[in-house]
Amino acid sequence: MGTGVVYIILGLVVLICVFLLLREVVCWYWKINYQIKLQEETNELLRNILGTLREENRKTDPHAQT
């Protein structure tokens, strides 16, 4: 391997590390990770509500389809 190839590979590794680090900083600054967590919690609550409504519907209407 030539010296130039080593520098190119090393440069690419450094650029990838910087990109990943900056991505985490941007996600932290704009609270993206927190927003995703809240959205996942909302989805889980909606699934629970839907399950409860379906269960109540089955109890009151024996001919209801699931």
PDB file of N, CA and C in Angstrom:
ATOM      1  N   MET A   1       0.836  -1.184   0.000  1.00  0.00           N
ATOM      2  CA  MET A   1       0.000   0.000   0.000  1.00  0.00           C
ATOM      3  C   MET A   1       0.875   1.240   0.000  1.00  0.00           C
ATOM      4  N   GLY A   2       0.475   2.189  -0.795  1.00  0.00           N
ATOM      5  CA  GLY A   2       1.214   3.433  -0.827  1.00  0.00           C
ATOM      6  C   GLY A   2       0.812   4.329   0.317  1.00  0.00           C
ATOM      7  N   THR A   3       1.647   5.292   0.586  1.00  0.00           N
ATOM      8  CA  THR A   3       1.388   6.230   1.678  1.00  0.00           C
ATOM      9  C   THR A   3       0.114   7.039   1.426  1.00  0.00           C
ATOM     10  N   GLY A   4      -0.137   7.370   0.167  1.00  0.00           N
ATOM     11  CA  GLY A   4      -1.335   8.140  -0.171  1.00  0.00           C
ATOM     12  C   GLY A   4      -2.610   7.402   0.159  1.00  0.00           C
ATOM     13  N   VAL A   5      -2.613   6.104  -0.079  1.00  0.00           N
ATOM     14  CA  VAL A   5      -3.799   5.297   0.202  1.00  0.00           C
ATOM     15  C   VAL A   5      -4.056   5.248   1.705  1.00  0.00           C
ATOM     16  N   VAL A   6      -2.997   5.143   2.496  1.00  0.00           N
ATOM     17  CA  VAL A   6      -3.136   5.114   3.952  1.00  0.00           C
ATOM     18  C   VAL A   6      -3.744   6.425   4.443  1.00  0.00           C
ATOM     19  N   TYR A   7      -3.279   7.540   3.897  1.00  0.00           N
ATOM     20  CA  TYR A   7      -3.819   8.840   4.299  1.00  0.00           C
ATOM     21  C   TYR A   7      -5.286   8.994   3.885  1.00  0.00           C
ATOM     22  N   ILE A   8      -5.624   8.458   2.731  1.00  0.00           N
ATOM     23  CA  ILE A   8      -7.021   8.533   2.283  1.00  0.00           C
ATOM     24  C   ILE A   8      -7.912   7.718   3.218  1.00  0.00           C
ATOM     25  N   ILE A   9      -7.496   6.509   3.545  1.00  0.00           N
ATOM     26  CA  ILE A   9      -8.280   5.654   4.448  1.00  0.00           C
ATOM     27  C   ILE A   9      -8.381   6.295   5.823  1.00  0.00           C
ATOM     28  N   LEU A  10      -7.269   6.814   6.334  1.00  0.00           N
ATOM     29  CA  LEU A  10      -7.282   7.482   7.634  1.00  0.00           C
ATOM     30  C   LEU A  10      -8.186   8.705   7.610  1.00  0.00           C
ATOM     31  N   GLY A  11      -8.142   9.467   6.529  1.00  0.00           N
ATOM     32  CA  GLY A  11      -9.017  10.634   6.389  1.00  0.00           C
ATOM     33  C   GLY A  11     -10.480  10.243   6.382  1.00  0.00           C
ATOM     34  N   LEU A  12     -10.801   9.168   5.673  1.00  0.00           N
ATOM     35  CA  LEU A  12     -12.193   8.703   5.640  1.00  0.00           C
ATOM     36  C   LEU A  12     -12.669   8.259   7.018  1.00  0.00           C
ATOM     37  N   VAL A  13     -11.821   7.561   7.752  1.00  0.00           N
ATOM     38  CA  VAL A  13     -12.181   7.126   9.101  1.00  0.00           C
ATOM     39  C   VAL A  13     -12.428   8.336   9.999  1.00  0.00           C
ATOM     40  N   VAL A  14     -11.570   9.336   9.903  1.00  0.00           N
ATOM     41  CA  VAL A  14     -11.732  10.547  10.712  1.00  0.00           C
ATOM     42  C   VAL A  14     -13.020  11.266  10.322  1.00  0.00           C
ATOM     43  N   LEU A  15     -13.299  11.376   9.021  1.00  0.00           N
ATOM     44  CA  LEU A  15     -14.529  12.039   8.575  1.00  0.00           C
ATOM     45  C   LEU A  15     -15.773  11.301   9.072  1.00  0.00           C
ATOM     46  N   ILE A  16     -15.758   9.991   9.038  1.00  0.00           N
ATOM     47  CA  ILE A  16     -16.908   9.215   9.519  1.00  0.00           C
ATOM     48  C   ILE A  16     -17.106   9.429  11.014  1.00  0.00           C
ATOM     49  N   CYS A  17     -16.007   9.450  11.766  1.00  0.00           N
ATOM     50  CA  CYS A  17     -16.112   9.681  13.216  1.00  0.00           C
ATOM     51  C   CYS A  17     -16.649  11.072  13.520  1.00  0.00           C
ATOM     52  N   VAL A  18     -16.158  12.075  12.794  1.00  0.00           N
ATOM     53  CA  VAL A  18     -16.640  13.449  12.987  1.00  0.00           C
ATOM     54  C   VAL A  18     -18.116  13.542  12.632  1.00  0.00           C
ATOM     55  N   PHE A  19     -18.522  12.897  11.535  1.00  0.00           N
ATOM     56  CA  PHE A  19     -19.927  12.910  11.129  1.00  0.00           C
ATOM     57  C   PHE A  19     -20.812  12.306  12.217  1.00  0.00           C
ATOM     58  N   LEU A  20     -20.409  11.145  12.747  1.00  0.00           N
ATOM     59  CA  LEU A  20     -21.215  10.492  13.786  1.00  0.00           C
ATOM     60  C   LEU A  20     -21.281  11.338  15.053  1.00  0.00           C
ATOM     61  N   LEU A  21     -20.169  11.965  15.416  1.00  0.00           N
ATOM     62  CA  LEU A  21     -20.158  12.828  16.593  1.00  0.00           C
ATOM     63  C   LEU A  21     -21.056  14.044  16.394  1.00  0.00           C
ATOM     64  N   LEU A  22     -20.958  14.687  15.243  1.00  0.00           N
ATOM     65  CA  LEU A  22     -21.792  15.865  14.972  1.00  0.00           C
ATOM     66  C   LEU A  22     -23.268  15.483  14.893  1.00  0.00           C
ATOM     67  N   ARG A  23     -23.560  14.302  14.375  1.00  0.00           N
ATOM     68  CA  ARG A  23     -24.948  13.857  14.299  1.00  0.00           C
ATOM     69  C   ARG A  23     -25.545  13.734  15.705  1.00  0.00           C
ATOM     70  N   GLU A  24     -24.788  13.158  16.632  1.00  0.00           N
ATOM     71  CA  GLU A  24     -25.273  13.040  18.006  1.00  0.00           C
ATOM     72  C   GLU A  24     -25.483  14.410  18.644  1.00  0.00           C
ATOM     73  N   VAL A  25     -24.588  15.351  18.365  1.00  0.00           N
ATOM     74  CA  VAL A  25     -24.721  16.700  18.923  1.00  0.00           C
ATOM     75  C   VAL A  25     -25.967  17.373  18.369  1.00  0.00           C
ATOM     76  N   VAL A  26     -26.193  17.237  17.066  1.00  0.00           N
ATOM     77  CA  VAL A  26     -27.373  17.851  16.448  1.00  0.00           C
ATOM     78  C   VAL A  26     -28.650  17.225  17.014  1.00  0.00           C
ATOM     79  N   CYS A  27     -28.666  15.898  17.144  1.00  0.00           N
ATOM     80  CA  CYS A  27     -29.848  15.224  17.703  1.00  0.00           C
ATOM     81  C   CYS A  27     -30.092  15.664  19.146  1.00  0.00           C
ATOM     82  N   TRP A  28     -29.028  15.838  19.918  1.00  0.00           N
ATOM     83  CA  TRP A  28     -29.176  16.290  21.297  1.00  0.00           C
ATOM     84  C   TRP A  28     -29.684  17.735  21.332  1.00  0.00           C
ATOM     85  N   TYR A  29     -29.108  18.591  20.501  1.00  0.00           N
ATOM     86  CA  TYR A  29     -29.474  20.004  20.532  1.00  0.00           C
ATOM     87  C   TYR A  29     -30.937  20.207  20.149  1.00  0.00           C
ATOM     88  N   TRP A  30     -31.397  19.551  19.127  1.00  0.00           N
ATOM     89  CA  TRP A  30     -32.770  19.721  18.667  1.00  0.00           C
ATOM     90  C   TRP A  30     -33.734  18.777  19.370  1.00  0.00           C
ATOM     91  N   LYS A  31     -33.258  18.014  20.356  1.00  0.00           N
ATOM     92  CA  LYS A  31     -34.084  17.108  21.167  1.00  0.00           C
ATOM     93  C   LYS A  31     -34.794  16.059  20.307  1.00  0.00           C
ATOM     94  N   ILE A  32     -34.147  15.637  19.227  1.00  0.00           N
ATOM     95  CA  ILE A  32     -34.755  14.672  18.321  1.00  0.00           C
ATOM     96  C   ILE A  32     -34.940  13.330  19.018  1.00  0.00           C
ATOM     97  N   ASN A  33     -33.942  12.885  19.759  1.00  0.00           N
ATOM     98  CA  ASN A  33     -34.055  11.597  20.454  1.00  0.00           C
ATOM     99  C   ASN A  33     -35.195  11.630  21.465  1.00  0.00           C
ATOM    100  N   TYR A  34     -35.362  12.746  22.160  1.00  0.00           N
ATOM    101  CA  TYR A  34     -36.442  12.887  23.141  1.00  0.00           C
ATOM    102  C   TYR A  34     -37.803  12.871  22.443  1.00  0.00           C
ATOM    103  N   GLN A  35     -37.894  13.552  21.289  1.00  0.00           N
ATOM    104  CA  GLN A  35     -39.150  13.575  20.555  1.00  0.00           C
ATOM    105  C   GLN A  35     -39.529  12.185  20.055  1.00  0.00           C
ATOM    106  N   ILE A  36     -38.544  11.419  19.616  1.00  0.00           N
ATOM    107  CA  ILE A  36     -38.811  10.056  19.169  1.00  0.00           C
ATOM    108  C   ILE A  36     -39.302   9.206  20.331  1.00  0.00           C
ATOM    109  N   LYS A  37     -38.670   9.382  21.506  1.00  0.00           N
ATOM    110  CA  LYS A  37     -39.093   8.628  22.690  1.00  0.00           C
ATOM    111  C   LYS A  37     -40.543   8.953  23.049  1.00  0.00           C
ATOM    112  N   LEU A  38     -40.896  10.236  23.015  1.00  0.00           N
ATOM    113  CA  LEU A  38     -42.277  10.638  23.323  1.00  0.00           C
ATOM    114  C   LEU A  38     -43.257  10.070  22.302  1.00  0.00           C
ATOM    115  N   GLN A  39     -42.863  10.068  21.039  1.00  0.00           N
ATOM    116  CA  GLN A  39     -43.743   9.537  20.003  1.00  0.00           C
ATOM    117  C   GLN A  39     -43.946   8.034  20.179  1.00  0.00           C
ATOM    118  N   GLU A  40     -42.901   7.324  20.572  1.00  0.00           N
ATOM    119  CA  GLU A  40     -43.041   5.888  20.824  1.00  0.00           C
ATOM    120  C   GLU A  40     -43.962   5.639  22.016  1.00  0.00           C
ATOM    121  N   GLU A  41     -43.863   6.464  23.057  1.00  0.00           N
ATOM    122  CA  GLU A  41     -44.755   6.326  24.211  1.00  0.00           C
ATOM    123  C   GLU A  41     -46.209   6.592  23.810  1.00  0.00           C
ATOM    124  N   THR A  42     -46.417   7.599  22.967  1.00  0.00           N
ATOM    125  CA  THR A  42     -47.764   7.920  22.488  1.00  0.00           C
ATOM    126  C   THR A  42     -48.336   6.754  21.702  1.00  0.00           C
ATOM    127  N   ASN A  43     -47.512   6.163  20.831  1.00  0.00           N
ATOM    128  CA  ASN A  43     -47.976   5.012  20.056  1.00  0.00           C
ATOM    129  C   ASN A  43     -48.359   3.859  20.966  1.00  0.00           C
ATOM    130  N   GLU A  44     -47.574   3.615  22.000  1.00  0.00           N
ATOM    131  CA  GLU A  44     -47.877   2.529  22.935  1.00  0.00           C
ATOM    132  C   GLU A  44     -49.188   2.806  23.673  1.00  0.00           C
ATOM    133  N   LEU A  45     -49.398   4.038  24.102  1.00  0.00           N
ATOM    134  CA  LEU A  45     -50.653   4.392  24.769  1.00  0.00           C
ATOM    135  C   LEU A  45     -51.848   4.213  23.831  1.00  0.00           C
ATOM    136  N   LEU A  46     -51.687   4.605  22.577  1.00  0.00           N
ATOM    137  CA  LEU A  46     -52.777   4.440  21.609  1.00  0.00           C
ATOM    138  C   LEU A  46     -53.072   2.960  21.363  1.00  0.00           C
ATOM    139  N   ARG A  47     -52.028   2.131  21.330  1.00  0.00           N
ATOM    140  CA  ARG A  47     -52.255   0.691  21.179  1.00  0.00           C
ATOM    141  C   ARG A  47     -53.024   0.140  22.383  1.00  0.00           C
ATOM    142  N   ASN A  48     -52.672   0.603  23.574  1.00  0.00           N
ATOM    143  CA  ASN A  48     -53.389   0.159  24.780  1.00  0.00           C
ATOM    144  C   ASN A  48     -54.852   0.586  24.737  1.00  0.00           C
ATOM    145  N   ILE A  49     -55.108   1.813  24.317  1.00  0.00           N
ATOM    146  CA  ILE A  49     -56.484   2.310  24.209  1.00  0.00           C
ATOM    147  C   ILE A  49     -57.262   1.483  23.190  1.00  0.00           C
ATOM    148  N   LEU A  50     -56.644   1.210  22.046  1.00  0.00           N
ATOM    149  CA  LEU A  50     -57.306   0.416  21.013  1.00  0.00           C
ATOM    150  C   LEU A  50     -57.621  -0.991  21.531  1.00  0.00           C
ATOM    151  N   GLY A  51     -56.668  -1.588  22.237  1.00  0.00           N
ATOM    152  CA  GLY A  51     -56.906  -2.913  22.800  1.00  0.00           C
ATOM    153  C   GLY A  51     -58.046  -2.910  23.796  1.00  0.00           C
ATOM    154  N   THR A  52     -58.099  -1.892  24.633  1.00  0.00           N
ATOM    155  CA  THR A  52     -59.177  -1.769  25.617  1.00  0.00           C
ATOM    156  C   THR A  52     -60.522  -1.594  24.929  1.00  0.00           C
ATOM    157  N   LEU A  53     -60.571  -0.750  23.903  1.00  0.00           N
ATOM    158  CA  LEU A  53     -61.827  -0.542  23.180  1.00  0.00           C
ATOM    159  C   LEU A  53     -62.286  -1.823  22.481  1.00  0.00           C
ATOM    160  N   ARG A  54     -61.345  -2.552  21.902  1.00  0.00           N
ATOM    161  CA  ARG A  54     -61.720  -3.809  21.248  1.00  0.00           C
ATOM    162  C   ARG A  54     -62.238  -4.813  22.271  1.00  0.00           C
ATOM    163  N   GLU A  55     -61.598  -4.881  23.423  1.00  0.00           N
ATOM    164  CA  GLU A  55     -62.036  -5.804  24.474  1.00  0.00           C
ATOM    165  C   GLU A  55     -63.433  -5.428  24.962  1.00  0.00           C
ATOM    166  N   GLU A  56     -63.673  -4.148  25.169  1.00  0.00           N
ATOM    167  CA  GLU A  56     -65.006  -3.688  25.595  1.00  0.00           C
ATOM    168  C   GLU A  56     -66.040  -3.983  24.518  1.00  0.00           C
ATOM    169  N   ASN A  57     -65.657  -3.827  23.266  1.00  0.00           N
ATOM    170  CA  ASN A  57     -66.579  -4.094  22.168  1.00  0.00           C
ATOM    171  C   ASN A  57     -66.939  -5.577  22.121  1.00  0.00           C
ATOM    172  N   ARG A  58     -65.958  -6.455  22.371  1.00  0.00           N
ATOM    173  CA  ARG A  58     -66.231  -7.896  22.379  1.00  0.00           C
ATOM    174  C   ARG A  58     -67.160  -8.275  23.519  1.00  0.00           C
ATOM    175  N   LYS A  59     -67.016  -7.599  24.660  1.00  0.00           N
ATOM    176  CA  LYS A  59     -67.868  -7.910  25.814  1.00  0.00           C
ATOM    177  C   LYS A  59     -69.314  -7.508  25.565  1.00  0.00           C
ATOM    178  N   THR A  60     -69.522  -6.383  24.904  1.00  0.00           N
ATOM    179  CA  THR A  60     -70.878  -5.875  24.721  1.00  0.00           C
ATOM    180  C   THR A  60     -71.550  -6.411  23.467  1.00  0.00           C
ATOM    181  N   ASP A  61     -70.777  -6.788  22.433  1.00  0.00           N
ATOM    182  CA  ASP A  61     -71.349  -7.273  21.180  1.00  0.00           C
ATOM    183  C   ASP A  61     -70.687  -8.596  20.807  1.00  0.00           C
ATOM    184  N   PRO A  62     -71.322  -9.711  21.119  1.00  0.00           N
ATOM    185  CA  PRO A  62     -70.695 -11.013  20.840  1.00  0.00           C
ATOM    186  C   PRO A  62     -70.498 -11.297  19.365  1.00  0.00           C
ATOM    187  N   HIS A  63     -71.190 -10.592  18.483  1.00  0.00           N
ATOM    188  CA  HIS A  63     -71.070 -10.813  17.041  1.00  0.00           C
ATOM    189  C   HIS A  63     -70.052  -9.861  16.394  1.00  0.00           C
ATOM    190  N   ALA A  64     -69.415  -9.048  17.180  1.00  0.00           N
ATOM    191  CA  ALA A  64     -68.457  -8.074  16.624  1.00  0.00           C
ATOM    192  C   ALA A  64     -67.227  -8.807  16.101  1.00  0.00           C
ATOM    193  N   GLN A  65     -66.721  -8.320  14.996  1.00  0.00           N
ATOM    194  CA  GLN A  65     -65.502  -8.888  14.414  1.00  0.00           C
ATOM    195  C   GLN A  65     -64.292  -8.163  14.967  1.00  0.00           C
ATOM    196  N   THR A  66     -63.165  -8.875  15.076  1.00  0.00           N
ATOM    197  CA  THR A  66     -61.947  -8.254  15.610  1.00  0.00           C
ATOM    198  C   THR A  66     -61.069  -7.762  14.506  1.00  0.00           C
TER     199      THR A  66
END
